[in-house]
Protein backbone atom coordinates (compact mmCIF):
# COMPACT_ATOMS: atom_id res chain seq x y z
CA MET A 1 24.79 -17.08 -8.90
CA ARG A 2 22.70 -14.22 -7.51
CA LYS A 3 22.81 -12.28 -10.79
CA LEU A 4 21.90 -15.39 -12.77
CA LEU A 5 18.89 -15.99 -10.52
CA VAL A 6 17.78 -12.36 -10.87
CA ALA A 7 18.07 -12.67 -14.65
CA ALA A 8 16.11 -15.93 -14.64
CA LEU A 9 13.26 -14.43 -12.60
CA ALA A 10 13.24 -11.34 -14.80
CA THR A 11 12.55 -13.50 -17.87
CA LEU A 12 9.21 -14.48 -16.35
CA ALA A 13 8.02 -10.86 -16.30
CA PRO A 14 6.91 -8.67 -17.80
CA VAL A 15 4.73 -10.30 -20.44
CA TRP A 16 3.82 -7.42 -22.71
CA ALA A 17 0.35 -7.10 -24.23
CA GLN A 18 -1.31 -4.05 -25.72
CA THR A 19 -4.84 -5.21 -24.95
CA ILE A 20 -5.93 -7.62 -22.21
CA VAL A 21 -9.39 -8.76 -21.17
CA ILE A 22 -9.83 -10.27 -17.71
CA ARG A 23 -13.02 -12.26 -18.12
CA ASN A 24 -15.46 -13.98 -15.68
CA ALA A 25 -14.14 -12.18 -12.61
CA THR A 26 -15.56 -10.98 -9.32
CA ILE A 27 -14.28 -7.40 -9.44
CA MET A 28 -13.96 -5.51 -6.16
CA THR A 29 -13.64 -1.95 -7.45
CA VAL A 30 -13.41 -0.19 -4.02
CA THR A 31 -15.18 2.91 -5.39
CA HIS A 32 -18.39 1.46 -6.84
CA GLY A 33 -18.99 -1.90 -5.28
CA THR A 34 -18.41 -5.42 -6.54
CA VAL A 35 -19.10 -6.33 -10.15
CA LYS A 36 -19.24 -9.78 -11.71
CA GLY A 37 -17.90 -9.33 -15.20
CA SER A 38 -14.83 -8.27 -17.13
CA ILE A 39 -12.08 -5.66 -17.28
CA VAL A 40 -10.65 -4.39 -20.56
CA VAL A 41 -7.09 -3.07 -20.43
CA LYS A 42 -5.64 -1.00 -23.27
CA ASP A 43 -2.18 0.56 -23.39
CA GLY A 44 -1.66 0.03 -19.69
CA LYS A 45 -4.92 1.70 -18.65
CA ILE A 46 -8.31 0.39 -17.58
CA ALA A 47 -10.54 0.98 -20.59
CA GLU A 48 -13.79 -0.66 -19.49
CA VAL A 49 -15.25 -2.40 -16.45
CA GLY A 50 -18.64 -4.07 -16.24
CA ASP A 51 -20.83 -7.15 -16.33
CA LYS A 52 -20.86 -6.84 -20.12
CA VAL A 53 -17.98 -5.31 -22.09
CA MET A 54 -16.91 -5.12 -25.73
CA GLU A 55 -13.94 -7.44 -26.08
CA PRO A 56 -11.52 -6.02 -28.68
CA GLY A 57 -10.43 -8.41 -31.39
CA GLY A 58 -6.99 -9.90 -30.88
CA ALA A 59 -6.95 -9.16 -27.15
CA THR A 60 -5.13 -11.47 -24.77
CA ILE A 61 -7.80 -13.21 -22.68
CA ILE A 62 -7.31 -14.03 -19.01
CA ASP A 63 -10.21 -16.17 -17.84
CA ALA A 64 -10.51 -15.58 -14.11
CA GLY A 65 -13.04 -18.36 -13.75
CA GLY A 66 -14.94 -16.53 -11.01
CA GLN A 67 -11.80 -15.54 -9.10
CA TYR A 68 -11.45 -12.14 -7.48
CA VAL A 69 -9.78 -9.02 -8.86
CA ILE A 70 -8.80 -6.07 -6.68
CA PRO A 71 -6.72 -2.93 -7.31
CA GLY A 72 -3.00 -3.35 -6.76
CA ILE A 73 -2.08 -3.15 -3.08
CA ILE A 74 -0.23 0.01 -2.02
CA ASP A 75 2.12 0.08 0.96
CA CYS A 76 2.53 3.58 2.37
CA HIS A 77 5.50 2.64 4.57
CA SER A 78 8.26 0.35 3.37
CA HIS A 79 12.06 0.17 3.45
CA ILE A 80 12.68 -2.50 0.82
CA ALA A 81 14.96 -1.91 -2.18
CA GLY A 82 17.29 0.29 -0.16
CA ASP A 83 20.95 -0.52 -0.77
CA GLY A 84 23.57 0.33 1.85
CA GLY A 85 21.27 1.28 4.74
CA ILE A 86 18.36 3.69 5.07
CA ASN A 87 19.33 5.58 8.25
CA GLU A 88 21.70 8.54 8.05
CA GLY A 89 21.83 8.79 11.83
CA SER A 90 24.89 11.00 12.21
CA VAL A 91 22.88 14.25 12.29
CA SER A 92 19.38 15.05 13.45
CA VAL A 93 18.43 16.86 10.22
CA SER A 94 19.40 14.84 7.14
CA SER A 95 16.97 16.29 4.61
CA MET A 96 19.73 16.46 2.02
CA VAL A 97 19.88 12.67 1.51
CA ASP A 98 17.56 10.89 -0.91
CA ILE A 99 16.35 7.29 -0.97
CA ARG A 100 16.07 7.34 -4.76
CA ASP A 101 19.87 7.45 -4.91
CA ILE A 102 20.16 3.97 -3.36
CA VAL A 103 17.25 2.06 -4.93
CA ASN A 104 18.36 -1.52 -5.58
CA PRO A 105 16.15 -3.07 -8.30
CA GLU A 106 17.62 -6.54 -7.63
CA ASP A 107 16.35 -6.73 -4.05
CA PHE A 108 14.37 -10.01 -3.88
CA SER A 109 11.93 -8.33 -1.49
CA ILE A 110 10.52 -6.50 -4.52
CA TYR A 111 9.51 -9.75 -6.17
CA ARG A 112 8.18 -11.22 -2.94
CA ALA A 113 6.06 -8.11 -2.37
CA LEU A 114 4.83 -8.38 -5.94
CA ALA A 115 3.86 -12.01 -5.33
CA GLY A 116 1.81 -10.76 -2.37
CA GLY A 117 -0.17 -8.37 -4.56
CA VAL A 118 1.78 -5.18 -3.80
CA THR A 119 2.15 -3.01 -6.90
CA THR A 120 3.21 0.32 -5.35
CA ALA A 121 5.20 1.24 -2.23
CA ASN A 122 6.39 4.40 -0.51
CA ILE A 123 10.07 3.80 0.28
CA LEU A 124 11.07 5.81 3.34
CA HIS A 125 14.25 6.91 5.04
CA GLY A 126 14.78 5.51 8.54
CA SER A 127 13.55 7.03 11.80
CA ALA A 128 16.82 8.04 13.47
CA ASN A 129 16.32 11.71 12.64
CA SER A 130 13.92 14.47 13.65
CA ILE A 131 13.93 15.35 9.96
CA GLY A 132 15.18 12.48 7.85
CA GLY A 133 15.82 11.91 4.18
CA GLN A 134 13.73 12.28 1.05
CA THR A 135 11.39 9.44 0.06
CA VAL A 136 10.47 7.82 -3.25
CA VAL A 137 7.35 6.02 -4.53
CA LEU A 138 8.08 2.87 -6.53
CA LYS A 139 6.06 0.50 -8.66
CA MET A 140 7.13 -3.13 -8.25
CA ARG A 141 8.23 -3.43 -11.90
CA TRP A 142 10.52 -6.41 -11.34
CA GLY A 143 13.15 -6.61 -14.07
CA LYS A 144 13.33 -2.85 -14.60
CA ASP A 145 16.26 -0.72 -13.49
CA ALA A 146 15.95 1.71 -10.58
CA THR A 147 14.75 4.56 -12.77
CA GLY A 148 12.17 2.32 -14.40
CA MET A 149 10.66 1.47 -11.03
CA ILE A 150 10.00 5.06 -9.96
CA PHE A 151 6.32 6.04 -10.02
CA GLU A 152 6.27 8.80 -12.63
CA GLY A 153 4.63 12.01 -11.42
CA ALA A 154 4.28 10.99 -7.77
CA LYS A 155 4.89 13.96 -5.49
CA PRO A 156 8.16 13.66 -3.54
CA GLY A 157 8.11 13.21 0.23
CA ILE A 158 10.35 13.48 3.26
CA LYS A 159 10.54 11.44 6.45
CA PHE A 160 10.16 13.03 9.90
CA ALA A 161 10.32 11.11 13.17
CA LEU A 162 9.36 11.65 16.79
CA GLY A 163 9.99 9.79 20.02
CA GLU A 164 12.41 7.14 21.19
CA ASN A 165 14.22 6.46 17.92
CA VAL A 166 15.18 10.11 17.53
CA LYS A 167 16.19 10.81 21.11
CA ARG A 168 18.23 7.59 21.10
CA SER A 169 16.52 5.83 24.00
CA GLY A 170 18.78 3.10 25.35
CA ASN A 171 21.70 4.16 23.17
CA PRO A 172 22.61 7.81 23.80
CA GLN A 173 26.23 7.52 22.73
CA GLY A 174 25.91 8.46 19.09
CA GLY A 175 23.05 6.12 18.29
CA ARG A 176 22.90 2.75 16.57
CA GLY A 177 26.24 1.27 15.66
CA ALA A 178 28.27 3.41 18.05
CA THR A 179 30.91 1.31 19.80
CA THR A 180 33.10 3.93 21.41
CA PRO A 181 32.17 5.66 24.68
CA ALA A 182 34.06 8.73 23.47
CA VAL A 183 31.42 9.40 20.83
CA GLN A 184 29.53 12.54 21.78
CA ALA A 185 25.79 12.17 22.36
CA ARG A 186 23.88 13.71 19.46
CA TYR A 187 21.29 16.39 20.17
CA PRO A 188 18.38 15.91 20.82
CA ALA A 189 18.17 13.53 23.76
CA THR A 190 14.63 14.46 24.86
CA ARG A 191 11.21 14.87 23.28
CA MET A 192 11.47 18.60 23.95
CA GLY A 193 14.70 18.64 21.98
CA VAL A 194 13.05 16.89 19.03
CA GLU A 195 10.48 19.68 18.80
CA ASP A 196 13.23 22.28 19.04
CA VAL A 197 15.22 20.69 16.19
CA ILE A 198 12.16 20.70 13.89
CA ARG A 199 11.25 24.27 14.85
CA GLU A 200 14.80 25.54 14.32
CA ALA A 201 15.06 23.80 10.93
CA PHE A 202 11.85 25.43 9.70
CA THR A 203 12.88 28.82 11.05
CA GLU A 204 15.95 28.53 8.82
CA ALA A 205 13.88 27.19 5.92
CA LYS A 206 11.39 30.05 6.20
CA ALA A 207 14.21 32.61 5.98
CA TYR A 208 15.75 30.67 3.09
CA LYS A 209 12.41 30.63 1.24
CA ALA A 210 11.96 34.39 1.80
CA GLU A 211 15.40 35.01 0.29
CA TRP A 212 14.54 33.00 -2.80
CA ASP A 213 11.05 34.51 -3.09
CA ASP A 214 12.59 37.99 -3.01
CA TYR A 215 15.15 37.01 -5.65
CA ASN A 216 12.50 35.47 -7.95
CA ALA A 217 10.24 38.52 -7.59
CA LYS A 218 13.08 40.85 -8.59
CA VAL A 219 14.04 38.66 -11.56
CA ALA A 220 10.39 38.68 -12.67
CA ARG A 221 10.57 42.51 -12.67
CA GLY A 222 13.55 42.36 -15.00
CA GLU A 223 16.41 42.79 -12.55
CA HIS A 224 19.65 40.90 -13.14
CA LEU A 225 20.97 39.49 -9.89
CA ILE A 226 23.23 36.73 -8.60
CA PRO A 227 20.94 34.02 -7.18
CA PRO A 228 21.15 33.08 -3.49
CA ARG A 229 23.35 30.15 -2.52
CA LYS A 230 21.44 26.87 -2.81
CA ASP A 231 21.31 24.93 0.46
CA LEU A 232 20.74 21.20 -0.10
CA LYS A 233 19.52 20.73 3.47
CA LEU A 234 17.00 23.58 3.35
CA GLU A 235 15.81 23.08 -0.23
CA PRO A 236 13.50 20.10 0.62
CA LEU A 237 12.11 22.00 3.63
CA LYS A 238 11.42 24.98 1.40
CA GLU A 239 9.44 22.60 -0.83
CA VAL A 240 7.48 21.47 2.25
CA LEU A 241 6.59 25.11 2.99
CA GLU A 242 5.54 25.53 -0.65
CA GLY A 243 3.36 22.41 -0.51
CA THR A 244 5.31 20.58 -3.22
CA ARG A 245 6.79 17.89 -0.93
CA TYR A 246 4.81 15.66 1.44
CA VAL A 247 5.76 15.08 5.09
CA HIS A 248 5.45 11.50 6.36
CA CYS A 249 6.11 11.43 10.11
CA HIS A 250 7.02 8.41 12.23
CA SER A 251 4.98 8.83 15.42
CA TYR A 252 3.59 6.93 18.38
CA ARG A 253 2.32 9.06 21.27
CA SER A 254 -0.67 11.37 21.11
CA ASP A 255 1.12 14.28 22.83
CA GLU A 256 3.84 14.27 20.16
CA ILE A 257 1.29 14.03 17.36
CA LEU A 258 -0.40 17.15 18.71
CA MET A 259 2.98 18.86 19.11
CA LEU A 260 3.88 18.39 15.45
CA ILE A 261 0.43 19.56 14.33
CA ARG A 262 0.99 22.78 16.31
CA VAL A 263 4.44 23.28 14.80
CA ALA A 264 3.13 22.62 11.28
CA ASP A 265 0.25 25.06 11.78
CA GLU A 266 2.67 27.67 13.10
CA PHE A 267 4.90 27.45 10.02
CA GLY A 268 2.04 27.00 7.56
CA PHE A 269 2.60 23.49 6.22
CA LYS A 270 0.67 20.21 6.43
CA ILE A 271 1.61 16.77 7.68
CA ARG A 272 0.54 14.41 4.92
CA THR A 273 0.62 11.25 7.02
CA PHE A 274 1.39 10.26 10.57
CA GLN A 275 3.13 6.91 10.17
CA HIS A 276 2.53 4.13 12.73
CA VAL A 277 0.43 6.66 14.72
CA LEU A 278 -0.31 4.04 17.37
CA GLU A 279 -2.12 6.49 19.66
CA GLY A 280 -3.99 8.09 16.78
CA TYR A 281 -7.30 6.85 18.17
CA LYS A 282 -6.84 9.27 21.09
CA VAL A 283 -6.51 12.34 18.84
CA GLY A 284 -8.38 11.32 15.69
CA LYS A 285 -10.43 14.53 15.58
CA GLU A 286 -7.31 16.68 15.71
CA ILE A 287 -5.57 14.65 13.01
CA ALA A 288 -8.63 14.91 10.75
CA ALA A 289 -8.97 18.66 11.41
CA HIS A 290 -5.36 19.20 10.37
CA GLY A 291 -5.97 17.24 7.18
CA ALA A 292 -3.40 14.54 7.87
CA GLY A 293 -3.77 10.85 7.15
CA GLY A 294 -2.86 7.95 9.42
CA SER A 295 -0.81 4.99 8.20
CA THR A 296 -0.77 2.39 10.94
CA PHE A 297 -0.07 -1.22 11.86
CA SER A 298 -3.05 -3.53 12.15
CA ASP A 299 -2.10 -5.07 15.50
CA TRP A 300 1.51 -4.45 16.51
CA TRP A 301 1.86 -3.17 20.04
CA ASP A 302 3.86 -3.29 23.28
CA TYR A 303 7.17 -3.98 21.54
CA LYS A 304 8.63 -0.89 23.23
CA VAL A 305 7.50 1.58 25.89
CA GLU A 306 5.93 4.15 23.58
CA ALA A 307 3.88 1.40 21.88
CA ALA A 308 2.26 0.25 25.14
CA ASP A 309 -1.07 2.02 24.50
CA ALA A 310 -1.53 0.71 20.95
CA ILE A 311 -4.75 -1.19 20.24
CA PRO A 312 -6.01 -3.21 17.26
CA TYR A 313 -9.05 -0.92 16.99
CA ASN A 314 -6.85 2.05 16.03
CA ALA A 315 -7.47 1.97 12.26
CA ALA A 316 -11.26 1.62 12.60
CA LEU A 317 -11.54 4.32 15.29
CA MET A 318 -9.49 6.84 13.29
CA THR A 319 -11.62 6.08 10.23
CA LYS A 320 -14.76 6.88 12.23
CA GLU A 321 -13.22 10.25 13.17
CA GLY A 322 -12.79 11.12 9.48
CA VAL A 323 -9.09 10.31 9.11
CA VAL A 324 -7.95 8.74 5.82
CA VAL A 325 -6.35 5.55 7.17
CA SER A 326 -4.05 3.03 5.56
CA VAL A 327 -2.47 -0.14 6.94
CA ASN A 328 1.25 -0.42 6.23
CA SER A 329 3.95 -3.05 6.65
CA ASP A 330 7.29 -1.44 7.64
CA ASP A 331 8.52 -4.99 7.14
CA ALA A 332 9.42 -6.98 4.02
CA GLU A 333 7.70 -10.15 5.28
CA LEU A 334 4.50 -8.46 6.47
CA MET A 335 4.35 -6.65 3.13
CA ARG A 336 3.47 -9.97 1.45
CA HIS A 337 0.06 -10.27 3.15
CA LEU A 338 -1.27 -6.75 3.61
CA ASN A 339 -4.65 -7.97 2.35
CA THR A 340 -5.21 -9.92 5.57
CA GLU A 341 -3.68 -7.13 7.68
CA ALA A 342 -6.44 -4.88 6.34
CA ALA A 343 -9.05 -7.54 7.07
CA LYS A 344 -8.22 -7.42 10.78
CA SER A 345 -10.02 -4.07 11.01
CA MET A 346 -13.24 -5.87 10.12
CA ARG A 347 -12.76 -8.04 13.21
CA TYR A 348 -11.40 -5.24 15.41
CA GLY A 349 -13.63 -2.20 15.04
CA GLY A 350 -16.26 -3.44 12.64
CA ALA A 351 -14.86 -1.85 9.48
CA SER A 352 -16.84 -2.69 6.36
CA GLU A 353 -15.42 -4.76 3.53
CA THR A 354 -14.92 -1.65 1.41
CA GLU A 355 -13.31 0.29 4.27
CA ALA A 356 -10.89 -2.56 4.95
CA LEU A 357 -9.94 -3.01 1.31
CA ALA A 358 -9.49 0.75 0.90
CA MET A 359 -6.91 0.68 3.71
CA VAL A 360 -4.44 -1.06 1.40
CA THR A 361 -5.56 0.39 -1.94
CA LEU A 362 -7.39 3.70 -2.30
CA ASN A 363 -6.47 5.27 1.05
CA PRO A 364 -2.68 4.90 0.71
CA ALA A 365 -3.08 6.17 -2.86
CA LYS A 366 -4.77 9.29 -1.46
CA GLN A 367 -2.03 9.69 1.15
CA LEU A 368 0.62 9.59 -1.58
CA GLY A 369 -1.35 11.87 -3.90
CA ILE A 370 -1.61 9.23 -6.64
CA ASP A 371 -5.29 8.29 -6.31
CA ASN A 372 -5.96 9.77 -9.76
CA ARG A 373 -3.81 6.95 -11.13
CA VAL A 374 -4.17 3.95 -8.81
CA GLY A 375 -6.06 2.62 -5.80
CA SER A 376 -9.35 1.57 -7.39
CA ILE A 377 -10.64 -0.18 -10.50
CA ASP A 378 -11.95 2.73 -12.51
CA VAL A 379 -11.84 3.58 -16.20
CA GLY A 380 -8.78 5.68 -17.04
CA LYS A 381 -6.63 4.53 -14.12
CA ASP A 382 -3.44 2.51 -14.42
CA ALA A 383 -4.14 -1.18 -14.90
CA ASP A 384 -2.52 -2.23 -11.62
CA LEU A 385 -4.57 -5.31 -10.78
CA VAL A 386 -4.33 -8.41 -8.57
CA ILE A 387 -6.16 -11.67 -9.20
CA TYR A 388 -6.82 -13.85 -6.12
CA ASP A 389 -8.11 -17.41 -6.18
CA LYS A 390 -10.37 -16.78 -3.17
CA TYR A 391 -11.96 -13.87 -1.31
CA PRO A 392 -9.02 -11.40 -0.96
CA LEU A 393 -9.71 -10.59 2.70
CA SER A 394 -9.38 -14.25 3.66
CA ASP A 395 -6.30 -15.97 5.10
CA TYR A 396 -6.74 -18.67 2.47
CA ALA A 397 -6.52 -16.34 -0.55
CA LYS A 398 -3.46 -16.67 -2.79
CA VAL A 399 -2.33 -14.24 -5.48
CA GLN A 400 -2.58 -15.79 -8.95
CA LYS A 401 -1.55 -12.93 -11.22
CA VAL A 402 -0.37 -9.35 -10.79
CA LEU A 403 -0.55 -6.71 -13.50
CA ILE A 404 1.20 -3.34 -13.40
CA ASP A 405 0.40 -0.85 -16.15
CA GLY A 406 -1.39 -3.66 -17.97
CA THR A 407 1.67 -5.90 -17.92
CA VAL A 408 1.73 -9.29 -16.19
CA TYR A 409 4.63 -9.11 -13.73
CA PHE A 410 3.72 -12.16 -11.64
CA ASP A 411 2.00 -15.39 -12.69
CA ARG A 412 1.73 -18.14 -10.09
CA ASP A 413 1.11 -20.87 -12.69
CA LYS A 414 4.34 -20.00 -14.50
CA GLU A 415 6.19 -19.82 -11.20
CA VAL A 416 5.03 -23.30 -10.18
CA SER A 417 5.62 -24.87 -13.59
CA GLY A 418 9.09 -23.38 -13.75
CA LEU A 419 10.26 -24.68 -10.36
CA ALA A 420 11.77 -27.88 -11.74
CA ALA A 421 13.78 -26.03 -14.37
CA LYS A 422 15.04 -23.55 -11.79
CA ALA A 423 16.03 -26.35 -9.42
CA ALA A 424 17.93 -28.08 -12.22
CA GLU A 425 19.71 -24.87 -13.18
CA LYS A 426 20.62 -24.20 -9.56
CA GLN A 427 22.02 -27.73 -9.15
CA LYS A 428 24.05 -27.30 -12.33
CA LEU A 429 25.59 -24.11 -10.95
CA VAL A 430 26.27 -25.76 -7.58
CA ASP A 431 27.95 -28.72 -9.28
CA LYS A 432 30.07 -26.41 -11.40
CA LEU A 433 31.13 -24.43 -8.33
CA LYS A 434 32.11 -27.64 -6.49
CA GLN A 435 34.09 -28.75 -9.50
CA GLN A 436 35.97 -25.46 -9.63
CA GLN A 437 36.71 -25.65 -5.90
CA THR A 438 38.00 -29.21 -6.25
CA GLN A 439 40.24 -28.29 -9.17
CA GLY A 440 41.49 -25.23 -7.32
CA GLY A 441 42.36 -27.35 -4.26
CA ARG A 442 44.31 -29.89 -6.32
CA GLY A 443 46.34 -27.21 -8.06
CA GLY A 444 46.99 -25.21 -4.93
CA ARG A 445 50.09 -27.05 -3.70
CA GLY A 446 53.36 -25.55 -4.69
CA GLY A 447 51.79 -22.16 -5.19
CA ARG A 448 52.16 -18.98 -3.19
CA GLY A 449 53.18 -19.33 0.41
CA GLN A 450 55.11 -22.58 -0.06
């Protein structure tokens, strides 16, 4: 039944069109204000935006009727679409594992996120490790396979983590899922140990990189040598040192944030984003000086000891210190209304409309290094667009249509009109299943076990 439902939903999207014109819209571009007019989409890209545009002949027309259009929402911290668990908690350095290997394109959370206006998400490894697994950026192309969902050209990342999750607070015997007292406690068990694990891993990675740099230099001079042994654990850390892989670090306390900045500076790499970063408002200047971004919750706090000093003004205060700030979900349900999560910074901290909207569009795009493709409504960017019936930063706003690469992947009108047919199909399947069970029960006597 599950596969039939997935197939049925997939038939609703995508609706392919080479050229689309979204007409009579209030367009919130993020980068150059709000425009009342139209958007022309050609071959998956934004071709023209303005109060007056040339509408190509034969284009598919979407009349917004004064409704609002914003760039597709981008979630910089999500765990949806992961099949079989996202925490490899057995070791403290698990940089060899990769989320892209377990992407499940049939996860209903993808479609629900899409229905909430999310078009792109950074799918992260869990936070049980000082250095966790490799991350992947996905577009919510519902109906595509796992490969078809991957954001082409997005720089790869890796998940780091600090604090209670890593040192196994409250569960020292082997971490989550351990049921036997005989299980040995995994190092580290303190915040000092977390720093040591990261430092030791990069000491090894630095030596590994030097070995490969020496080999490549000699090969470039014409020497014929056997290459060094490839280490799957150190290879991603080597890429971090080379600046070709982003570091996204789960963090809470200001002292630990400063610690990781010092370690990164010592080894010559950058933290791309501090995730959660609940005490970021205390060290905003230092985060900005390092060049890191902050991807935070709008108003989650006091759900564990290290979250006690979190405040709802965090996003606005970090923004004022020059930090590129995004608001993330870390939760499949919260992911469906990130527009209103961003709006909370207007109430708490006085963020402007543009600043708030950027927290779920352009800023996460910058943090993921994809702002040349998505995050604002500009000519040449991917046509990832969301149409709302009301002001997008309002609790009352509902997503009407979502386009990704110029393709309509969600249409509320079609969803609503198709509910009766889906209900009938579901009932038909239920009736058939009951019939099979009844027939199986009648024929069961005299069989095995009698």
